[in-house]
Protein backbone atom coordinates (compact mmCIF):
# COMPACT_ATOMS: atom_id res chain seq x y z
CA MET A 1 -43.20 41.43 22.81
CA ALA A 2 -40.18 42.31 20.69
CA GLY A 3 -37.55 40.73 22.91
CA GLY A 4 -39.56 37.69 24.07
CA VAL A 5 -39.07 34.05 23.29
CA GLY A 6 -39.55 33.40 19.61
CA GLY A 7 -39.14 37.10 18.80
CA PRO A 8 -36.70 38.81 16.42
CA ALA A 9 -33.66 37.90 18.53
CA SER A 10 -34.23 34.18 18.13
CA LYS A 11 -35.00 34.59 14.44
CA ASN A 12 -31.68 36.35 13.90
CA ASP A 13 -29.92 33.30 15.32
CA ASP A 14 -31.20 31.26 12.39
CA PHE A 15 -29.19 33.43 10.01
CA GLN A 16 -25.84 33.06 11.77
CA PRO A 17 -23.15 31.33 9.65
CA HIS A 18 -22.21 27.81 10.57
CA PRO A 19 -19.10 27.75 12.80
CA VAL A 20 -15.82 26.50 11.36
CA LYS A 21 -14.80 23.04 12.63
CA GLU A 22 -11.16 22.03 12.49
CA GLN A 23 -12.31 18.54 13.45
CA LEU A 24 -15.31 17.03 11.72
CA PRO A 25 -18.20 16.54 14.15
CA GLY A 26 -20.52 13.55 14.02
CA ILE A 27 -17.80 10.87 13.84
CA ASP A 28 -18.74 8.00 16.18
CA TYR A 29 -15.28 6.46 16.49
CA CYS A 30 -12.18 8.50 15.72
CA ILE A 31 -8.59 7.39 15.15
CA THR A 32 -7.79 6.28 18.68
CA SER A 33 -11.27 5.23 19.88
CA PRO A 34 -12.05 1.81 18.36
CA PRO A 35 -15.50 0.17 18.49
CA HIS A 36 -16.05 -3.13 20.31
CA TRP A 37 -14.25 -6.11 18.79
CA PRO A 38 -17.28 -7.80 17.09
CA GLU A 39 -18.26 -4.56 15.39
CA ALA A 40 -14.65 -3.74 14.56
CA ILE A 41 -14.17 -7.13 12.86
CA VAL A 42 -17.24 -6.67 10.66
CA LEU A 43 -16.16 -3.12 9.79
CA GLY A 44 -12.67 -4.40 8.97
CA PHE A 45 -14.16 -7.02 6.66
CA GLN A 46 -16.03 -4.22 4.87
CA HIS A 47 -12.76 -2.45 4.18
CA TYR A 48 -11.38 -5.72 2.84
CA LEU A 49 -14.31 -6.03 0.41
CA VAL A 50 -13.82 -2.47 -0.82
CA VAL A 51 -10.09 -2.86 -1.48
CA LEU A 52 -10.75 -6.22 -3.13
CA GLY A 53 -12.52 -4.51 -6.03
CA THR A 54 -9.44 -2.58 -7.13
CA THR A 55 -7.23 -5.57 -6.35
CA VAL A 56 -9.16 -7.71 -8.86
CA LEU A 57 -9.72 -4.95 -11.43
CA ILE A 58 -6.09 -3.98 -12.00
CA PRO A 59 -4.67 -7.48 -12.68
CA SER A 60 -7.70 -8.16 -14.91
CA ILE A 61 -6.51 -5.25 -17.06
CA ILE A 62 -2.75 -5.71 -17.07
CA VAL A 63 -2.18 -9.49 -16.91
CA PRO A 64 -3.74 -10.28 -20.33
CA GLN A 65 -1.62 -7.48 -21.83
CA MET A 66 1.45 -9.18 -20.34
CA GLY A 67 0.57 -12.56 -21.88
CA GLY A 68 -0.73 -14.18 -18.69
CA GLY A 69 -3.84 -16.31 -18.27
CA ASN A 70 -6.18 -17.06 -15.37
CA GLU A 71 -3.49 -18.84 -13.36
CA GLU A 72 -1.10 -15.90 -13.60
CA LYS A 73 -3.92 -13.48 -12.83
CA ALA A 74 -4.84 -15.42 -9.69
CA LYS A 75 -1.23 -15.30 -8.46
CA VAL A 76 -0.91 -11.59 -9.19
CA ILE A 77 -4.15 -10.88 -7.31
CA GLN A 78 -2.88 -12.87 -4.33
CA SER A 79 0.43 -11.00 -4.39
CA LEU A 80 -1.23 -7.59 -4.72
CA LEU A 81 -3.62 -8.36 -1.85
CA PHE A 82 -0.80 -9.70 0.34
CA VAL A 83 1.36 -6.62 -0.18
CA ALA A 84 -1.67 -4.36 0.37
CA GLY A 85 -2.09 -5.94 3.79
CA LEU A 86 1.57 -5.40 4.64
CA ASN A 87 1.54 -1.80 3.40
CA THR A 88 -1.65 -0.97 5.30
CA LEU A 89 -0.11 -2.24 8.53
CA LEU A 90 3.14 -0.35 7.92
CA GLN A 91 1.30 2.90 7.12
CA SER A 92 -0.98 2.65 10.16
CA LEU A 93 1.84 1.72 12.54
CA PHE A 94 4.78 3.79 11.30
CA GLY A 95 3.57 6.13 8.53
CA THR A 96 0.88 8.74 9.03
CA ARG A 97 -0.76 6.44 11.63
CA LEU A 98 -4.07 7.42 10.08
CA PRO A 99 -6.76 4.80 9.29
CA THR A 100 -5.57 4.60 5.68
CA VAL A 101 -5.76 1.50 3.51
CA ILE A 102 -2.87 1.21 1.03
CA GLY A 103 -3.74 -0.74 -2.10
CA GLY A 104 -3.24 -0.98 -5.84
CA SER A 105 -3.51 2.17 -7.93
CA CYS A 106 -4.95 2.78 -11.40
CA THR A 107 -2.34 5.54 -11.77
CA PHE A 108 0.34 2.92 -12.47
CA VAL A 109 -1.71 1.09 -15.11
CA VAL A 110 -0.65 3.33 -18.01
CA PRO A 111 3.15 2.87 -17.61
CA THR A 112 2.62 -0.82 -16.82
CA ILE A 113 0.75 -1.41 -20.08
CA SER A 114 3.35 0.68 -21.90
CA ILE A 115 6.04 -1.70 -20.63
CA ALA A 116 3.93 -4.74 -21.54
CA LEU A 117 3.51 -3.48 -25.12
CA ALA A 118 7.20 -2.73 -25.61
CA ASN A 119 8.70 -4.57 -28.58
CA ARG A 120 11.28 -6.44 -26.53
CA TYR A 121 8.44 -8.17 -24.65
CA HIS A 122 5.55 -8.08 -27.10
CA THR A 123 7.43 -9.99 -29.78
CA ILE A 124 8.02 -13.04 -27.54
CA ASP A 125 5.92 -15.91 -28.92
CA ASN A 126 5.55 -17.96 -25.74
CA PRO A 127 2.82 -16.22 -23.63
CA GLN A 128 4.12 -17.56 -20.33
CA GLU A 129 7.68 -16.51 -21.06
CA ARG A 130 6.42 -13.08 -22.18
CA PHE A 131 4.50 -12.71 -18.93
CA ILE A 132 7.55 -13.60 -16.81
CA ARG A 133 9.91 -11.28 -18.64
CA THR A 134 7.40 -8.43 -18.67
CA MET A 135 6.76 -8.85 -14.96
CA ARG A 136 10.49 -8.68 -14.27
CA GLY A 137 10.71 -5.43 -16.23
CA ILE A 138 7.77 -3.97 -14.30
CA GLN A 139 9.40 -5.05 -11.04
CA GLY A 140 12.60 -3.19 -11.89
CA ALA A 141 10.65 -0.05 -12.87
CA LEU A 142 8.66 -0.14 -9.61
CA ILE A 143 11.80 -0.54 -7.51
CA CYS A 144 13.30 2.53 -9.17
CA ALA A 145 10.04 4.46 -8.77
CA SER A 146 9.94 3.64 -5.07
CA ILE A 147 13.25 5.44 -4.52
CA PHE A 148 11.60 8.70 -5.60
CA GLN A 149 8.95 8.65 -2.84
CA ILE A 150 11.37 7.27 -0.24
CA VAL A 151 13.79 10.14 -0.83
CA VAL A 152 11.10 12.83 -1.12
CA GLY A 153 9.32 11.59 1.98
CA PHE A 154 11.99 10.58 4.47
CA LEU A 155 14.42 13.41 3.65
CA GLY A 156 11.68 15.96 4.26
CA PHE A 157 11.37 17.42 0.77
CA TRP A 158 7.62 16.80 0.69
CA ARG A 159 7.27 18.38 4.13
CA ASN A 160 8.80 21.58 2.75
CA VAL A 161 6.25 21.57 -0.07
CA VAL A 162 3.04 20.82 1.82
CA ARG A 163 3.87 23.34 4.54
CA PHE A 164 2.70 25.95 2.00
CA LEU A 165 -0.54 24.06 1.40
CA SER A 166 -3.57 26.09 2.46
CA PRO A 167 -7.22 25.05 2.76
CA LEU A 168 -7.82 26.84 -0.54
CA SER A 169 -5.25 24.82 -2.50
CA ALA A 170 -6.31 21.68 -0.63
CA VAL A 171 -9.87 21.94 -2.02
CA PRO A 172 -9.01 20.94 -5.63
CA LEU A 173 -6.43 18.42 -4.39
CA VAL A 174 -8.83 16.47 -2.17
CA THR A 175 -11.97 16.99 -4.26
CA LEU A 176 -10.46 15.73 -7.50
CA THR A 177 -8.91 12.80 -5.65
CA GLY A 178 -12.50 11.57 -5.43
CA LEU A 179 -13.99 13.07 -8.60
CA GLY A 180 -11.03 11.94 -10.69
CA LEU A 181 -12.22 8.33 -10.39
CA TYR A 182 -15.74 9.01 -11.63
CA GLN A 183 -15.31 6.61 -14.56
CA LEU A 184 -15.05 3.65 -12.18
CA GLY A 185 -18.60 3.93 -10.85
CA PHE A 186 -22.26 4.23 -11.73
CA PRO A 187 -25.37 5.07 -9.68
CA LEU A 188 -26.75 2.72 -7.03
CA TYR A 189 -29.40 3.86 -4.60
CA LEU A 190 -30.54 1.31 -2.05
CA PRO A 191 -31.10 2.90 1.39
CA ASN A 192 -34.66 4.09 0.68
CA MET A 193 -35.67 0.56 -0.35
CA VAL A 194 -34.39 -1.08 2.82
CA THR A 195 -36.34 -0.81 6.06
CA ALA A 196 -33.80 -1.29 8.84
CA LYS A 197 -32.41 0.61 11.72
CA ARG A 198 -30.69 3.51 10.01
CA VAL A 199 -27.39 3.38 11.92
CA VAL A 200 -27.10 -0.37 11.31
CA PHE A 201 -27.65 -0.07 7.58
CA ASP A 202 -25.31 2.91 7.20
CA ARG A 203 -22.54 1.23 9.17
CA PHE A 204 -22.78 -2.17 7.47
CA VAL A 205 -23.98 -1.08 4.03
CA VAL A 206 -21.22 -2.94 2.16
CA PRO A 207 -22.01 -6.52 3.29
CA PHE A 208 -25.76 -5.85 2.96
CA SER A 209 -25.48 -4.51 -0.59
CA VAL A 210 -22.87 -7.00 -1.73
CA ALA A 211 -24.71 -10.02 -0.31
CA VAL A 212 -28.06 -9.12 -1.90
CA VAL A 213 -26.72 -8.25 -5.35
CA TRP A 214 -24.09 -11.02 -5.34
CA VAL A 215 -26.70 -13.73 -4.65
CA TYR A 216 -28.99 -12.27 -7.29
CA ALA A 217 -26.15 -12.16 -9.85
CA HIS A 218 -25.19 -15.76 -9.03
CA ILE A 219 -28.78 -16.93 -9.55
CA LEU A 220 -28.85 -15.21 -12.94
CA THR A 221 -25.47 -16.72 -13.82
CA VAL A 222 -26.54 -20.27 -12.95
CA ALA A 223 -29.86 -19.80 -14.74
CA GLY A 224 -28.04 -18.84 -17.95
CA ALA A 225 -29.34 -15.28 -18.13
CA TYR A 226 -25.96 -14.02 -19.33
CA LYS A 227 -25.21 -16.87 -21.72
CA ASP A 228 -25.77 -14.97 -24.96
CA ARG A 229 -25.01 -11.52 -23.67
CA PRO A 230 -22.06 -9.39 -24.91
CA LEU A 231 -18.64 -10.15 -23.47
CA GLN A 232 -18.45 -6.88 -21.54
CA THR A 233 -21.78 -7.62 -19.86
CA GLN A 234 -20.58 -11.07 -18.85
CA ILE A 235 -17.35 -9.67 -17.42
CA SER A 236 -19.27 -7.12 -15.37
CA CYS A 237 -22.14 -9.30 -14.16
CA ARG A 238 -21.24 -13.01 -14.11
CA THR A 239 -19.93 -14.54 -10.89
CA ASP A 240 -17.92 -17.26 -12.64
CA HIS A 241 -16.34 -15.34 -15.51
CA SER A 242 -13.03 -14.48 -13.84
CA GLY A 243 -11.85 -18.11 -13.69
CA LEU A 244 -10.11 -17.39 -10.39
CA LEU A 245 -11.88 -19.97 -8.25
CA ARG A 246 -10.77 -22.79 -10.55
CA THR A 247 -7.15 -21.71 -10.97
CA ALA A 248 -6.34 -20.26 -7.53
CA PRO A 249 -4.28 -22.58 -5.26
CA TRP A 250 -5.65 -23.60 -1.88
CA ILE A 251 -2.65 -22.27 0.03
CA ARG A 252 0.12 -20.13 -1.39
CA VAL A 253 2.30 -17.57 0.37
CA PRO A 254 3.61 -14.84 -1.98
CA TYR A 255 7.32 -14.24 -1.57
CA PRO A 256 9.86 -11.71 -2.88
CA PHE A 257 11.18 -12.19 -6.43
CA GLN A 258 8.78 -15.08 -7.07
CA TRP A 259 8.93 -14.31 -10.81
CA GLY A 260 12.72 -14.12 -10.88
CA ALA A 261 15.28 -11.33 -10.69
CA PRO A 262 13.96 -7.92 -11.81
CA THR A 263 15.37 -6.25 -14.91
CA PHE A 264 16.05 -2.55 -15.24
CA GLU A 265 15.62 -0.18 -18.17
CA VAL A 266 16.02 3.58 -17.86
CA GLY A 267 13.01 4.56 -19.96
CA GLU A 268 10.67 2.20 -18.10
CA ALA A 269 11.93 3.46 -14.75
CA LEU A 270 11.38 7.12 -15.69
CA ALA A 271 7.83 6.45 -16.86
CA MET A 272 7.06 4.65 -13.61
CA MET A 273 8.57 7.53 -11.63
CA ALA A 274 6.12 9.87 -13.35
CA ALA A 275 3.29 7.65 -12.13
CA SER A 276 4.88 7.68 -8.67
CA PHE A 277 4.81 11.48 -8.68
CA ALA A 278 1.12 11.52 -9.63
CA ALA A 279 0.39 8.86 -6.99
CA LEU A 280 2.24 10.93 -4.37
CA ILE A 281 -0.09 13.89 -4.99
CA GLU A 282 -3.20 11.72 -5.04
CA SER A 283 -2.24 9.98 -1.81
CA THR A 284 -1.63 13.32 -0.11
CA GLY A 285 -5.21 14.28 -0.96
CA THR A 286 -6.44 10.95 0.39
CA PHE A 287 -4.43 11.34 3.61
CA ILE A 288 -6.07 14.72 4.18
CA ALA A 289 -9.53 13.27 3.54
CA VAL A 290 -8.83 10.35 5.90
CA SER A 291 -7.70 12.70 8.66
CA ARG A 292 -10.93 14.63 8.22
CA TYR A 293 -13.10 11.53 8.46
CA GLY A 294 -11.05 10.28 11.39
CA SER A 295 -11.98 13.48 13.26
CA ALA A 296 -8.34 14.57 13.42
CA THR A 297 -7.01 18.09 13.48
CA PRO A 298 -5.04 19.21 10.38
CA VAL A 299 -2.16 16.81 9.79
CA PRO A 300 1.30 18.39 10.20
CA PRO A 301 3.47 18.48 7.07
CA SER A 302 6.03 16.23 8.78
CA VAL A 303 3.40 13.50 9.16
CA LEU A 304 2.35 13.75 5.51
CA SER A 305 6.00 13.56 4.46
CA ARG A 306 6.58 10.51 6.64
CA GLY A 307 3.50 8.86 5.14
CA VAL A 308 4.86 9.45 1.63
CA GLY A 309 8.16 7.87 2.66
CA TRP A 310 6.41 4.74 3.91
CA GLN A 311 4.32 4.67 0.76
CA GLY A 312 7.61 4.55 -1.11
CA ILE A 313 8.50 1.49 0.99
CA GLY A 314 5.16 0.06 -0.13
CA ILE A 315 6.02 0.54 -3.81
CA LEU A 316 9.39 -1.10 -3.12
CA LEU A 317 7.53 -4.13 -1.73
CA ASP A 318 5.32 -4.11 -4.85
CA GLY A 319 8.45 -4.34 -6.96
CA MET A 320 9.99 -7.06 -4.83
CA PHE A 321 6.87 -9.25 -4.67
CA GLY A 322 5.93 -8.69 -8.31
CA THR A 323 2.41 -7.29 -7.97
CA GLY A 324 2.61 -5.64 -11.39
CA ASN A 325 1.29 -2.40 -9.90
CA GLY A 326 2.27 0.35 -7.49
CA SER A 327 0.48 1.34 -4.29
CA THR A 328 -1.38 4.44 -3.17
CA ALA A 329 -3.78 5.37 -0.41
CA SER A 330 -7.16 3.85 -1.28
CA VAL A 331 -9.80 6.47 -2.11
CA GLY A 332 -12.68 4.03 -1.74
CA ASN A 333 -11.67 3.05 1.78
CA ALA A 334 -11.36 6.72 2.72
CA GLY A 335 -14.95 7.18 1.61
CA LEU A 336 -16.02 4.15 3.66
CA LEU A 337 -14.80 5.94 6.79
CA ALA A 338 -17.36 8.66 6.10
CA LEU A 339 -20.13 6.25 5.17
CA THR A 340 -19.77 4.29 8.42
CA ARG A 341 -18.68 7.30 10.54
CA VAL A 342 -15.96 5.08 11.96
CA GLY A 343 -12.44 6.47 11.56
CA SER A 344 -10.76 3.97 13.86
CA ARG A 345 -7.22 2.86 13.07
CA ARG A 346 -7.86 -0.54 14.64
CA VAL A 347 -10.61 -1.26 12.10
CA VAL A 348 -8.22 -0.64 9.21
CA GLN A 349 -5.57 -2.83 10.83
CA ILE A 350 -8.14 -5.62 11.12
CA SER A 351 -8.88 -5.21 7.41
CA ALA A 352 -5.14 -5.68 6.76
CA GLY A 353 -5.40 -8.98 8.61
CA PHE A 354 -8.20 -10.08 6.28
CA MET A 355 -6.06 -9.13 3.27
CA LEU A 356 -3.16 -11.23 4.48
CA PHE A 357 -5.39 -14.17 5.46
CA PHE A 358 -7.35 -14.41 2.21
CA SER A 359 -4.26 -13.80 0.06
CA VAL A 360 -2.67 -16.92 1.51
CA LEU A 361 -5.85 -19.05 1.36
CA GLY A 362 -6.26 -18.66 -2.36
CA LYS A 363 -9.59 -20.46 -2.85
CA PHE A 364 -11.36 -18.40 -0.19
CA GLY A 365 -9.92 -15.18 -1.58
CA ALA A 366 -10.98 -16.18 -5.09
CA LEU A 367 -14.52 -16.78 -3.83
CA PHE A 368 -14.84 -13.18 -2.67
CA ALA A 369 -13.05 -12.01 -5.81
CA SER A 370 -15.92 -13.48 -7.85
CA ILE A 371 -18.10 -10.55 -6.77
CA PRO A 372 -19.27 -8.92 -10.03
CA MET A 373 -17.42 -5.71 -10.80
CA SER A 374 -20.74 -3.90 -11.29
CA ILE A 375 -21.33 -4.14 -7.53
CA VAL A 376 -17.92 -2.65 -6.82
CA ALA A 377 -18.53 0.14 -9.32
CA ALA A 378 -21.86 0.97 -7.69
CA LEU A 379 -20.29 1.21 -4.24
CA ASN A 380 -17.55 3.44 -5.63
CA CYS A 381 -20.14 6.04 -6.59
CA ILE A 382 -20.92 6.57 -2.93
CA LEU A 383 -17.40 6.16 -1.56
CA PHE A 384 -15.66 8.43 -4.08
CA SER A 385 -18.30 11.12 -3.60
CA TYR A 386 -17.57 11.26 0.13
CA VAL A 387 -13.90 11.92 -0.59
CA ALA A 388 -14.83 14.64 -3.06
CA SER A 389 -17.10 16.27 -0.48
CA ALA A 390 -14.28 16.17 2.07
CA GLY A 391 -12.35 18.49 -0.23
CA LEU A 392 -15.30 20.82 -0.65
CA GLY A 393 -15.61 20.92 3.13
CA PHE A 394 -12.35 22.89 3.36
CA LEU A 395 -14.12 25.83 1.71
CA GLN A 396 -15.40 26.72 5.19
CA PHE A 397 -11.91 28.00 6.01
CA CYS A 398 -11.76 30.24 2.90
CA ASN A 399 -13.23 33.62 2.00
CA LEU A 400 -15.64 32.73 -0.79
CA ASN A 401 -16.41 36.40 -1.39
CA SER A 402 -12.83 36.97 -2.55
CA PHE A 403 -12.37 37.12 -6.33
CA ARG A 404 -8.89 35.68 -5.88
CA THR A 405 -10.41 32.66 -4.18
CA LYS A 406 -13.03 32.30 -6.91
CA PHE A 407 -10.42 32.46 -9.68
CA ILE A 408 -8.07 29.92 -8.12
CA LEU A 409 -10.88 27.46 -7.44
CA GLY A 410 -12.57 27.79 -10.82
CA PHE A 411 -9.39 27.79 -12.89
CA SER A 412 -7.80 24.82 -11.12
CA PHE A 413 -10.96 22.71 -11.40
CA PHE A 414 -11.41 23.64 -15.06
CA MET A 415 -7.80 22.87 -15.97
CA GLY A 416 -7.88 19.60 -14.05
CA PHE A 417 -10.77 18.24 -16.07
CA SER A 418 -10.00 20.01 -19.35
CA VAL A 419 -6.36 18.94 -19.70
CA GLN A 420 -7.17 15.31 -18.91
CA GLN A 421 -10.05 15.31 -21.40
CA TYR A 422 -7.78 16.77 -24.08
CA PHE A 423 -5.18 14.05 -23.55
CA ASN A 424 -7.79 11.29 -23.53
CA GLU A 425 -9.53 12.50 -26.70
CA TYR A 426 -6.20 12.95 -28.46
CA VAL A 427 -5.34 9.31 -27.76
CA VAL A 428 -8.69 8.15 -29.14
CA VAL A 429 -8.33 10.18 -32.36
CA SER A 430 -4.60 9.80 -33.02
CA GLY A 431 -3.69 6.57 -31.24
CA HIS A 432 -1.04 8.35 -29.17
CA GLY A 433 -0.85 11.21 -26.70
CA PRO A 434 -0.31 14.89 -27.59
CA VAL A 435 3.33 14.54 -26.55
CA ASN A 436 4.74 12.34 -29.30
CA THR A 437 8.49 12.78 -29.62
CA HIS A 438 11.09 10.22 -30.65
CA SER A 439 11.64 9.42 -26.97
CA ILE A 440 8.99 6.96 -25.83
CA SER A 441 10.07 7.44 -22.22
CA PHE A 442 9.53 11.21 -22.37
CA ASN A 443 6.16 10.68 -24.05
CA ASN A 444 5.05 8.32 -21.29
CA ILE A 445 6.20 10.72 -18.55
CA MET A 446 4.23 13.65 -19.98
CA ASN A 447 1.16 11.59 -20.80
CA VAL A 448 1.04 10.00 -17.34
CA ILE A 449 1.35 13.32 -15.49
CA PHE A 450 -1.10 15.33 -17.60
CA SER A 451 -3.65 12.51 -17.75
CA SER A 452 -4.05 12.79 -13.97
CA ASN A 453 -6.63 15.50 -13.31
CA VAL A 454 -5.69 15.48 -9.61
CA THR A 455 -2.09 16.29 -10.43
CA VAL A 456 -2.96 19.05 -12.88
CA ALA A 457 -5.55 20.70 -10.61
CA ALA A 458 -3.38 20.42 -7.49
CA VAL A 459 -0.29 21.88 -9.17
CA VAL A 460 -2.28 24.76 -10.69
CA ALA A 461 -4.05 25.61 -7.42
CA PHE A 462 -0.84 25.31 -5.37
CA PHE A 463 1.15 27.51 -7.78
CA LEU A 464 -1.51 30.21 -7.97
CA ASP A 465 -2.09 30.24 -4.23
CA CYS A 466 1.65 30.63 -3.55
CA THR A 467 2.25 33.36 -6.15
CA LEU A 468 -0.95 35.31 -6.85
CA GLY A 469 -1.15 38.45 -4.71
CA ARG A 470 1.03 37.07 -1.92
CA GLY A 471 2.06 40.60 -0.93
CA ASP A 472 -1.49 41.42 0.11
CA SER A 473 -2.08 41.08 3.85
CA THR A 474 -5.60 39.70 3.30
CA VAL A 475 -4.43 36.76 1.19
CA VAL A 476 -3.45 34.59 4.17
CA ARG A 477 -6.89 34.91 5.73
CA ASP A 478 -8.73 34.55 2.41
CA SER A 479 -6.98 31.24 1.69
CA GLY A 480 -7.53 29.98 5.24
CA SER A 481 -3.82 29.54 5.95
CA HIS A 482 -4.14 31.01 9.44
CA TRP A 483 -6.29 28.02 10.48
CA TRP A 484 -3.46 25.59 9.78
CA GLU A 485 -0.53 27.85 10.72
CA LYS A 486 0.12 26.38 14.16
CA PHE A 487 0.60 22.89 12.68
CA ARG A 488 3.07 23.84 9.94
CA ASN A 489 6.38 23.89 11.77
CA PHE A 490 5.56 21.12 14.20
CA LYS A 491 7.80 18.09 13.86
CA THR A 492 6.39 14.81 15.09
CA ASP A 493 7.34 11.17 15.12
CA SER A 494 5.32 7.97 15.17
CA ARG A 495 5.03 8.09 18.98
CA SER A 496 3.52 11.58 19.26
CA GLU A 497 0.31 11.30 17.27
CA GLU A 498 -1.59 13.17 19.98
CA PHE A 499 -0.44 16.43 18.42
CA TYR A 500 -2.74 15.96 15.45
CA SER A 501 -5.51 13.76 16.86
CA LEU A 502 -7.99 14.56 19.61
CA PRO A 503 -10.90 12.58 21.07
CA CYS A 504 -13.94 12.59 18.83
CA ASN A 505 -16.06 14.65 21.20
CA LEU A 506 -13.53 17.49 21.37
CA ASN A 507 -14.35 19.44 18.22
CA LYS A 508 -12.34 22.49 19.12
CA LEU A 509 -9.10 24.16 18.20
CA PHE A 510 -6.00 22.43 19.48
CA PRO A 511 -3.83 24.60 21.75
CA SER A 512 -0.75 26.08 20.17
CA VAL A 513 2.29 23.79 20.15
């Protein structure tokens, strides 16, 4: 019969659109619901392994440019890991209070290398002296750059900006936060080859993958398989190429101004501030992705602004301890929240404990740092893609049949990738960026900002969303702003997190506040 079970009525249900979810369903442990301690410790160790990849990669790039050797690199890695642990604790306790790992950022590499190649440092004959003096210059630039985020965050300027952020303009921001790091990964596909309980493998994929490939790489290293291979292959695949295990001290506690008093130069500080601006935008995208994978409701602008302020404190600590690099919210660790479906803040705080522990016990930290970078790059393919998909998930709040929506999305994505590609190709062909005036500082500022596809795409999408057709009454609904409206003017402090976080099983709209 027409109205019976299995008839047309039930078939029509199959064609109903999926309901909008302000909180992501399917998360096993959200921000305030931690797993049992044994599981939480293993999950925290996974986060430590993920952040370790970037922690080793960045000093491996910048320290040789500064004149340092393996000993200096080992100390910089220890310092960067130690400060990452401190910053992660500060961010989770006083900042956004989201399960966000704060670690080193590739965004600061360009101005750091620019400082290292400056004539006043590069002409010093003694490599060790050149390293020390360059590090002091980088410290001074980072301290100045930290003031930018501290002021913008704690004085509420960033809150006044992100309160106009809609789901539409958040899509390019969050998506390119993940896609913008595509060059740091390559494909790895292991789950179909492993026969194990699915939830166990998904939740503990990092130690499984790292252990198997790490042992295999070590066997090949000892057997001499990489002996006559190209240098780049050895750097990527050998387990003994970094030289860290030999040069790292057994016990060493990093301390402020361990390289000496910082030096200050206006041009270097301005270039580092440009990187700080780009890092601020990227971290905002990561915060939003983390809140999504922690099963939180949309984060109020005041919380995002407070998180930026504490990130500025983190960059200040980078400058004081001499890490040679600034800090941002870790994209890879945000993706790990999705991979494990565990968005617990306690897990991230445990990972901060591992960072502090292994940064002090240098030999043990160096052992884990000997993991081949190819393993880290493979994991990044999965982790970064989850962050990118978090951004695409905000399309559910938008009207995709609106031509305004289509234009803003397409144009911002295109400009984000196109402008960065133009700047990169120009450097390869000409040896310098498109902006090449007599002021090196101005050149560095422009090149840093426009080489960040996240920054370009986010600024374009935000500007168009705030200006294009704003007089039209349908624009607010098309951009999805009405979904986030009740959170915009809410002011919160570190003790009232309940206003943007609900239990994992309550995937419903939060009552008006």
